[in-house]
Amino acid sequence: MQHPVHPTRPRTRVTALVVALASAGAVALTGCGKGTQTVGAAPPPRAKDAFETRAAQIVRDWPKVAPVSGQQEALLPLAGADHPTRPDAKELTVTVGHSACDAGYGARVLESKELVVVSGWGKKKNPKGMCTEQLATDKTKVRLDGPLAGRKVVDAATGKQLLKG
C-alpha cells in the first residue's frame, strides 16, 4: 500500500525526514551509545519536613538565627547537650524536652562543616485519652557522620548554641 505524498513536498524530502526521525529514535532508544542502563522505580522526591527546612536555614544564616515561633512536633527544644568524652566520638547525647503524652520521642541531626544542628521530636499518643501535658526530659543519643571536631552544636528550635565541640 502506497501512502499519498504531500503535494508541496517532494518524495525525497519526506524520505529524508523519515530516515532522520527513525535514526534519532534509534539513538534515543540505545541510550546515546552508552552500555547498559538501568531504570529503577524510585519514589518521587519528597518535600523537606520542618526540621530539614529549619536546619538548612540555620546552616545558611548562622550565627544570625532567631527562634521558631510556636511549637511543632518535629522541632522540640533541647534542654542540653553533653560534651563527648572522646574527641573522635561520633555520637552526641542530648536532653530532649517532650510531652509526657508523647508516644515516642527522639532527636534528629543535620551536620555541616561548621555546625551540628539538633532538634528533639515527639509523636503524640491517641488524642482520645486523658493526658496532663506535663514536660518530661530524657537523654537520647544521636549518631554523627564524623567527630564533633570543633563544630558548634545548635538547637534547631531555639537557634542557640548548646556547646562547642
Protein backbone atom coordinates (compact mmCIF):
# COMPACT_ATOMS: atom_id res chain seq x y z
CA MET A 1 0.00 0.00 0.00
CA GLN A 2 1.37 3.34 -1.00
CA HIS A 3 0.95 6.41 1.17
CA PRO A 4 -0.10 9.60 -0.50
CA VAL A 5 2.67 12.14 -0.93
CA HIS A 6 2.02 15.69 0.19
CA PRO A 7 1.73 17.73 -2.99
CA THR A 8 4.08 20.52 -1.83
CA ARG A 9 6.89 18.25 -0.56
CA PRO A 10 8.99 16.18 -2.93
CA ARG A 11 9.24 12.47 -2.17
CA THR A 12 12.97 12.71 -1.33
CA ARG A 13 12.34 15.27 1.42
CA VAL A 14 9.71 13.05 3.03
CA THR A 15 12.02 10.04 2.82
CA ALA A 16 14.92 12.03 4.29
CA LEU A 17 12.69 13.24 7.13
CA VAL A 18 11.50 9.71 7.91
CA VAL A 19 15.09 8.38 7.91
CA ALA A 20 16.26 11.23 10.17
CA LEU A 21 13.43 10.68 12.67
CA ALA A 22 13.99 6.93 12.69
CA SER A 23 17.72 7.44 13.31
CA ALA A 24 17.08 9.88 16.15
CA GLY A 25 14.64 7.44 17.72
CA ALA A 26 17.14 4.58 17.44
CA VAL A 27 19.87 6.68 19.10
CA ALA A 28 17.49 7.66 21.91
CA LEU A 29 16.49 4.05 22.48
CA THR A 30 20.10 2.87 22.60
CA GLY A 31 20.99 5.30 25.39
CA CYS A 32 23.16 7.53 23.22
CA GLY A 33 25.74 4.82 22.70
CA LYS A 34 26.33 4.02 26.38
CA GLY A 35 26.45 0.49 27.72
CA THR A 36 23.57 -0.82 29.73
CA GLN A 37 21.21 1.47 31.55
CA THR A 38 19.06 0.58 34.48
CA VAL A 39 15.82 2.25 35.32
CA GLY A 40 14.53 1.96 38.85
CA ALA A 41 11.22 2.65 40.40
CA ALA A 42 12.50 5.33 42.76
CA PRO A 43 9.90 7.10 44.85
CA PRO A 44 9.21 10.70 43.86
CA PRO A 45 11.25 13.29 45.75
CA ARG A 46 9.57 14.28 48.97
CA ALA A 47 9.28 17.78 50.35
CA LYS A 48 11.57 18.78 53.19
CA ASP A 49 9.95 18.49 56.60
CA ALA A 50 10.02 21.21 59.28
CA PHE A 51 13.34 20.02 60.77
CA GLU A 52 15.16 19.75 57.44
CA THR A 53 13.94 23.19 56.38
CA ARG A 54 14.89 24.79 59.72
CA ALA A 55 18.31 23.09 59.91
CA ALA A 56 19.19 24.22 56.37
CA GLN A 57 18.13 27.77 57.29
CA ILE A 58 20.35 27.71 60.42
CA VAL A 59 23.37 26.48 58.45
CA ARG A 60 22.76 29.17 55.81
CA ASP A 61 22.17 32.10 58.24
CA TRP A 62 24.47 31.18 61.16
CA PRO A 63 25.07 32.97 63.56
CA LYS A 64 22.10 35.32 62.94
CA VAL A 65 19.27 32.90 63.75
CA ALA A 66 16.00 33.66 65.53
CA PRO A 67 13.96 31.02 67.40
CA VAL A 68 10.99 29.44 65.65
CA SER A 69 7.56 30.66 66.66
CA GLY A 70 5.19 28.15 68.22
CA GLN A 71 5.99 24.53 68.94
CA GLN A 72 5.99 21.76 66.38
CA GLU A 73 6.30 18.01 66.87
CA ALA A 74 9.36 17.98 64.58
CA LEU A 75 11.13 20.85 66.39
CA LEU A 76 11.10 20.33 70.15
CA PRO A 77 13.69 22.41 72.03
CA LEU A 78 16.58 20.62 73.69
CA ALA A 79 17.29 21.01 77.40
CA GLY A 80 21.01 20.48 76.82
CA ALA A 81 23.81 18.51 75.21
CA ASP A 82 26.61 16.55 76.86
CA HIS A 83 30.13 17.11 75.61
CA PRO A 84 31.51 13.82 74.16
CA THR A 85 34.08 12.11 76.36
CA ARG A 86 36.42 11.43 73.42
CA PRO A 87 37.44 13.95 70.74
CA ASP A 88 36.88 11.39 67.96
CA ALA A 89 33.42 10.31 69.22
CA LYS A 90 30.77 10.06 66.53
CA GLU A 91 27.89 10.20 68.97
CA LEU A 92 26.27 13.03 70.87
CA THR A 93 23.96 12.80 73.89
CA VAL A 94 21.23 15.43 74.06
CA THR A 95 18.46 16.04 76.59
CA VAL A 96 15.10 16.19 74.81
CA GLY A 97 12.21 18.06 76.35
CA HIS A 98 8.97 16.40 75.29
CA SER A 99 5.41 15.91 76.46
CA ALA A 100 4.54 13.18 78.94
CA CYS A 101 1.74 12.44 76.45
CA ASP A 102 4.11 11.58 73.61
CA ALA A 103 4.03 8.01 72.35
CA GLY A 104 7.60 8.40 71.18
CA TYR A 105 10.39 10.95 71.18
CA GLY A 106 13.94 11.31 69.96
CA ALA A 107 16.37 13.67 68.28
CA ARG A 108 17.40 14.40 64.71
CA VAL A 109 20.64 15.86 63.42
CA LEU A 110 21.91 17.67 60.35
CA GLU A 111 25.64 18.21 60.04
CA SER A 112 27.65 20.81 58.14
CA LYS A 113 31.33 21.69 58.11
CA GLU A 114 30.89 24.18 60.98
CA LEU A 115 27.65 23.14 62.71
CA VAL A 116 25.77 20.17 64.12
CA VAL A 117 22.10 21.17 64.18
CA VAL A 118 19.98 19.01 66.51
CA SER A 119 16.30 19.01 67.38
CA GLY A 120 14.05 16.94 69.56
CA TRP A 121 10.88 15.43 68.17
CA GLY A 122 7.80 13.88 69.73
CA LYS A 123 4.85 11.89 68.46
CA LYS A 124 1.55 12.36 70.26
CA LYS A 125 -0.44 9.43 71.59
CA ASN A 126 -4.02 8.84 70.55
CA PRO A 127 -5.81 12.16 71.27
CA LYS A 128 -8.90 10.44 72.71
CA GLY A 129 -7.31 9.64 76.08
CA MET A 130 -6.59 11.83 79.11
CA CYS A 131 -3.20 13.49 79.35
CA THR A 132 -1.60 16.03 81.66
CA GLU A 133 0.72 17.53 79.01
CA GLN A 134 3.48 17.98 81.59
CA LEU A 135 7.05 18.41 80.38
CA ALA A 136 9.35 15.42 80.55
CA THR A 137 13.07 15.38 79.74
CA ASP A 138 15.09 12.38 78.68
CA LYS A 139 18.56 11.83 77.29
CA THR A 140 18.91 10.36 73.85
CA LYS A 141 21.88 9.72 71.58
CA VAL A 142 22.33 10.89 68.02
CA ARG A 143 24.91 9.42 65.66
CA LEU A 144 27.18 11.78 63.76
CA ASP A 145 28.76 11.18 60.36
CA GLY A 146 32.06 12.50 61.68
CA PRO A 147 33.60 13.57 65.00
CA LEU A 148 32.42 16.83 66.57
CA ALA A 149 35.94 18.24 65.97
CA GLY A 150 35.33 21.85 67.00
CA ARG A 151 31.91 22.19 65.36
CA LYS A 152 29.20 24.06 67.26
CA VAL A 153 26.08 22.17 68.40
CA VAL A 154 22.96 24.26 67.77
CA ASP A 155 19.37 23.67 68.91
CA ALA A 156 17.15 23.87 65.82
CA ALA A 157 14.10 25.09 67.76
CA THR A 158 15.78 27.97 69.62
CA GLY A 159 18.71 28.70 67.30
CA LYS A 160 21.00 28.77 70.35
CA GLN A 161 24.43 27.22 70.58
CA LEU A 162 24.40 24.34 73.10
CA LEU A 163 28.13 23.58 73.07
CA LYS A 164 31.30 23.91 71.05
CA GLY A 165 32.99 20.65 70.17
